[in-house]
């Protein structure tokens, strides 16, 4: 991992120039200026929500401010997807800055999960880490960590602190010296199908003849567990 530190740092500090614009029909008090940010690819939109909300609240009546949500060209942006993933799925071929529309009304219940607080994002993130460690280390590393280690991992991500995050995360990226590597490598595939996105957690294996059509999917994602071995190849479970 030491040899890769420069690469890890470059990935960590990847940024997407973004322009947030308040949805025109929600402006009630005065015109709202766009808000520009450099968004970390490895973070979540929910972690910048406070900054965006503070900027646009002055253009709204207080009674009109409810749960904030974002969309890009008509597609609601899922808060539990990393920012870099959202951009790559929806806007990678578009000119920069990435233009995101901000909403405070008409929450799309069928398309987005509610996010009551940053605690929900932290719980989702730690759940992903535990899933990955279960496959890589049979949960031994994450279970041996103290609560303060879990908190440091999350705070490093939330506050965009590379050294703070990797001081803990490196434990999850190492394997015993007597082994040649990980037996299972956890990863996820996000497949864009029209305006729907299918999400497969875990490690994966394929099934020949599996046909996926947009009309077969609900408005939200369908979650399919999957497992894989670098040796056995890929098979989707039913």
Protein backbone atom coordinates (compact mmCIF):
# COMPACT_ATOMS: atom_id res chain seq x y z
CA UNK A 1 0.00 0.00 0.00
CA UNK A 2 2.93 2.35 0.64
CA UNK A 3 4.01 2.17 -2.98
CA UNK A 4 0.52 3.14 -4.09
CA UNK A 5 0.16 6.17 -1.83
CA UNK A 6 0.64 8.72 -4.60
CA UNK A 7 -2.02 6.99 -6.70
CA UNK A 8 -4.39 6.77 -3.73
CA UNK A 9 -3.84 10.46 -3.02
CA UNK A 10 -4.56 11.42 -6.65
CA UNK A 11 -7.79 9.39 -6.60
CA UNK A 12 -8.82 10.88 -3.26
CA UNK A 13 -8.33 14.46 -4.43
CA UNK A 14 -10.26 13.96 -7.67
CA UNK A 15 -12.77 16.81 -7.94
CA UNK A 16 -15.78 17.62 -10.15
CA UNK A 17 -16.51 21.32 -10.76
CA UNK A 18 -20.23 21.67 -10.12
CA UNK A 19 -22.84 24.42 -10.49
CA UNK A 20 -25.90 24.17 -8.25
CA UNK A 21 -28.97 26.06 -9.48
CA UNK A 22 -32.26 26.48 -7.63
CA UNK A 23 -35.27 25.16 -9.55
CA UNK A 24 -36.92 28.22 -11.12
CA UNK A 25 -40.46 27.50 -9.89
CA UNK A 26 -39.27 27.45 -6.27
CA UNK A 27 -37.80 30.96 -6.22
CA UNK A 28 -40.14 33.11 -4.11
CA UNK A 29 -38.25 36.00 -2.50
CA UNK A 30 -35.50 37.04 -4.92
CA UNK A 31 -33.36 35.63 -7.68
CA UNK A 32 -30.91 33.03 -6.41
CA UNK A 33 -27.37 33.11 -7.73
CA UNK A 34 -25.87 29.76 -8.76
CA UNK A 35 -23.57 28.13 -6.24
CA UNK A 36 -20.27 26.62 -7.36
CA UNK A 37 -18.34 23.86 -5.61
CA UNK A 38 -15.53 21.43 -6.35
CA UNK A 39 -17.10 18.15 -5.29
CA UNK A 40 -14.91 15.25 -4.08
CA UNK A 41 -15.56 12.19 -6.23
CA UNK A 42 -15.23 9.83 -3.26
CA UNK A 43 -17.77 11.66 -1.07
CA UNK A 44 -21.58 11.92 -0.99
CA UNK A 45 -23.89 14.78 -1.99
CA UNK A 46 -25.44 14.71 1.47
CA UNK A 47 -22.14 15.87 2.95
CA UNK A 48 -22.32 19.17 1.02
CA UNK A 49 -26.05 19.67 1.53
CA UNK A 50 -25.62 22.14 4.41
CA UNK A 51 -23.52 24.51 2.26
CA UNK A 52 -25.98 24.37 -0.64
CA UNK A 53 -29.01 24.79 1.59
CA UNK A 54 -27.53 27.82 3.35
CA UNK A 55 -26.79 29.50 0.02
CA UNK A 56 -30.30 29.12 -1.40
CA UNK A 57 -32.45 29.61 1.69
CA UNK A 58 -32.36 33.39 1.28
CA UNK A 59 -34.38 33.04 -1.95
CA UNK A 60 -37.11 31.02 -0.26
CA UNK A 61 -39.81 31.63 2.31
CA UNK A 62 -39.06 29.62 5.43
CA UNK A 63 -42.37 27.77 5.15
CA UNK A 64 -41.34 26.58 1.66
CA UNK A 65 -38.14 24.92 2.86
CA UNK A 66 -38.53 21.18 3.34
CA UNK A 67 -36.30 18.24 2.50
CA UNK A 68 -33.66 19.20 -0.04
CA UNK A 69 -32.98 16.96 -3.05
CA UNK A 70 -31.02 17.19 -6.28
CA UNK A 71 -31.60 16.26 -9.91
CA UNK A 72 -29.68 16.29 -13.15
CA UNK A 73 -31.60 16.69 -16.42
CA UNK A 74 -34.75 15.21 -14.90
CA UNK A 75 -33.08 12.36 -13.01
CA UNK A 76 -33.18 12.54 -9.18
CA UNK A 77 -29.71 11.99 -7.70
CA UNK A 78 -29.49 9.22 -5.12
CA UNK A 79 -27.76 10.32 -1.94
CA UNK A 80 -26.35 6.84 -1.21
CA UNK A 81 -24.35 6.80 -4.48
CA UNK A 82 -20.85 8.33 -4.35
CA UNK A 83 -20.58 11.65 -6.19
CA UNK A 84 -18.09 10.31 -8.73
CA UNK A 85 -20.40 7.40 -9.54
CA UNK A 86 -23.38 9.72 -10.13
CA UNK A 87 -21.32 11.88 -12.46
CA UNK A 88 -19.94 8.93 -14.42
CA UNK A 89 -23.39 7.37 -14.83
CA UNK A 90 -25.24 10.51 -15.85
CA UNK A 91 -22.95 13.33 -16.95
CA UNK A 92 -19.50 12.07 -17.92
CA UNK A 93 -19.99 13.13 -21.55
CA UNK A 94 -21.31 16.58 -20.64
CA UNK A 95 -19.33 19.81 -20.53
CA UNK A 96 -18.14 21.04 -17.15
CA UNK A 97 -19.22 22.37 -14.74
CA UNK A 98 -21.74 19.68 -13.87
CA UNK A 99 -25.11 21.46 -13.63
CA UNK A 100 -27.22 20.16 -10.76
CA UNK A 101 -30.71 21.47 -10.00
CA UNK A 102 -31.66 21.99 -6.35
CA UNK A 103 -35.20 21.33 -5.06
CA UNK A 104 -36.89 22.01 -1.73
CA UNK A 105 -40.37 20.82 -2.76
CA UNK A 106 -42.10 17.83 -4.36
CA UNK A 107 -39.76 15.16 -3.02
CA UNK A 108 -39.79 12.21 -5.50
CA UNK A 109 -40.97 9.50 -3.12
CA UNK A 110 -40.88 6.74 -5.76
CA UNK A 111 -37.33 7.47 -6.88
CA UNK A 112 -35.38 8.51 -3.79
CA UNK A 113 -34.92 7.29 -0.25
CA UNK A 114 -35.33 9.88 2.46
CA UNK A 115 -32.14 10.88 4.24
CA UNK A 116 -33.06 12.24 7.68
CA UNK A 117 -29.50 13.16 8.70
CA UNK A 118 -25.80 12.56 8.10
CA UNK A 119 -26.13 9.64 10.52
CA UNK A 120 -28.01 7.77 7.78
CA UNK A 121 -25.12 8.34 5.37
CA UNK A 122 -22.63 7.17 7.97
CA UNK A 123 -24.68 4.03 8.64
CA UNK A 124 -24.85 3.28 4.91
CA UNK A 125 -21.12 3.84 4.46
CA UNK A 126 -20.16 1.63 7.41
CA UNK A 127 -22.53 -1.08 6.19
CA UNK A 128 -20.71 -1.08 2.84
CA UNK A 129 -17.35 -1.34 4.61
CA UNK A 130 -18.57 -4.28 6.71
CA UNK A 131 -19.90 -6.08 3.63
CA UNK A 132 -16.54 -5.71 1.90
CA UNK A 133 -14.58 -6.86 4.95
CA UNK A 134 -16.81 -9.92 5.32
CA UNK A 135 -15.63 -11.06 1.89
CA UNK A 136 -11.99 -10.04 2.21
CA UNK A 137 -11.23 -10.90 5.83
CA UNK A 138 -14.33 -12.78 7.06
CA UNK A 139 -15.16 -9.62 9.06
CA UNK A 140 -12.09 -10.07 11.27
CA UNK A 141 -10.55 -6.64 10.60
CA UNK A 142 -13.68 -4.54 11.05
CA UNK A 143 -14.72 -6.52 14.15
CA UNK A 144 -11.32 -6.03 15.78
CA UNK A 145 -11.48 -2.27 15.32
CA UNK A 146 -12.63 -0.12 18.20
CA UNK A 147 -15.55 2.27 17.92
CA UNK A 148 -13.12 5.19 17.68
CA UNK A 149 -11.53 3.57 14.61
CA UNK A 150 -14.91 3.35 12.90
CA UNK A 151 -15.55 6.99 13.76
CA UNK A 152 -12.13 8.06 12.48
CA UNK A 153 -12.77 6.27 9.19
CA UNK A 154 -16.07 8.10 8.73
CA UNK A 155 -14.82 11.49 9.90
CA UNK A 156 -11.88 11.24 7.52
CA UNK A 157 -14.32 10.82 4.63
CA UNK A 158 -16.76 13.44 5.89
CA UNK A 159 -14.08 16.08 6.45
CA UNK A 160 -12.06 15.17 3.34
CA UNK A 161 -8.97 14.21 5.36
CA UNK A 162 -6.86 11.76 3.36
CA UNK A 163 -4.35 10.84 6.09
CA UNK A 164 -7.04 10.50 8.75
CA UNK A 165 -9.07 8.14 6.55
CA UNK A 166 -6.20 6.00 5.27
CA UNK A 167 -4.64 5.55 8.69
CA UNK A 168 -7.60 3.21 9.35
CA UNK A 169 -8.61 2.12 5.86
CA UNK A 170 -5.17 0.62 5.11
CA UNK A 171 -5.99 -2.17 7.59
CA UNK A 172 -8.90 -3.17 5.36
CA UNK A 173 -6.70 -3.18 2.26
CA UNK A 174 -3.95 -5.52 3.51
CA UNK A 175 -3.78 -9.31 3.56
CA UNK A 176 -1.61 -11.65 5.67
CA UNK A 177 1.96 -11.96 4.31
CA UNK A 178 1.63 -15.76 4.10
CA UNK A 179 -1.19 -15.35 1.54
CA UNK A 180 -0.69 -14.25 -2.07
CA UNK A 181 -3.76 -12.04 -2.13
CA UNK A 182 -7.43 -11.88 -1.27
CA UNK A 183 -9.52 -14.96 -1.98
CA UNK A 184 -12.54 -12.78 -2.79
CA UNK A 185 -12.48 -9.24 -4.13
CA UNK A 186 -15.60 -7.20 -3.28
CA UNK A 187 -16.94 -4.85 -5.92
CA UNK A 188 -20.19 -3.44 -7.23
CA UNK A 189 -21.51 -2.98 -10.74
CA UNK A 190 -23.90 -0.16 -11.51
CA UNK A 191 -25.60 -0.63 -14.86
CA UNK A 192 -27.51 2.29 -16.32
CA UNK A 193 -30.75 1.22 -18.01
CA UNK A 194 -32.50 4.26 -19.42
CA UNK A 195 -33.37 6.36 -16.37
CA UNK A 196 -33.21 3.32 -14.10
CA UNK A 197 -30.04 2.03 -12.50
CA UNK A 198 -29.55 -1.57 -11.46
CA UNK A 199 -27.17 -2.10 -8.56
CA UNK A 200 -25.43 -5.34 -7.62
CA UNK A 201 -23.61 -5.36 -4.29
CA UNK A 202 -20.85 -7.68 -3.23
CA UNK A 203 -18.59 -9.82 -5.33
CA UNK A 204 -20.13 -11.33 -8.43
CA UNK A 205 -20.71 -14.40 -10.57
CA UNK A 206 -22.67 -14.39 -14.00
CA UNK A 207 -25.51 -16.39 -15.34
CA UNK A 208 -25.79 -16.87 -19.10
CA UNK A 209 -29.07 -15.77 -20.61
CA UNK A 210 -30.02 -13.26 -17.93
CA UNK A 211 -32.05 -10.56 -19.68
CA UNK A 212 -32.67 -7.21 -18.03
CA UNK A 213 -35.16 -4.75 -19.44
CA UNK A 214 -36.05 -1.32 -18.12
CA UNK A 215 -39.75 -2.18 -17.93
CA UNK A 216 -38.94 -5.10 -15.59
CA UNK A 217 -37.51 -2.75 -12.96
CA UNK A 218 -39.32 -0.84 -10.23
CA UNK A 219 -38.79 2.90 -9.96
CA UNK A 220 -36.11 2.36 -7.34
CA UNK A 221 -33.22 -0.09 -7.62
CA UNK A 222 -33.55 -3.83 -7.37
CA UNK A 223 -30.84 -5.27 -5.11
CA UNK A 224 -29.38 -8.65 -6.00
CA UNK A 225 -26.74 -10.31 -3.79
CA UNK A 226 -23.77 -11.65 -5.73
CA UNK A 227 -20.50 -13.41 -5.04
CA UNK A 228 -17.34 -13.89 -7.10
CA UNK A 229 -13.95 -15.46 -7.22
CA UNK A 230 -11.13 -14.11 -9.40
CA UNK A 231 -10.44 -17.73 -10.39
CA UNK A 232 -13.98 -18.95 -11.12
CA UNK A 233 -14.99 -16.00 -13.25
CA UNK A 234 -18.39 -14.33 -13.17
CA UNK A 235 -21.85 -15.77 -12.57
CA UNK A 236 -25.06 -13.98 -11.68
CA UNK A 237 -27.18 -15.74 -9.08
CA UNK A 238 -30.92 -15.90 -9.65
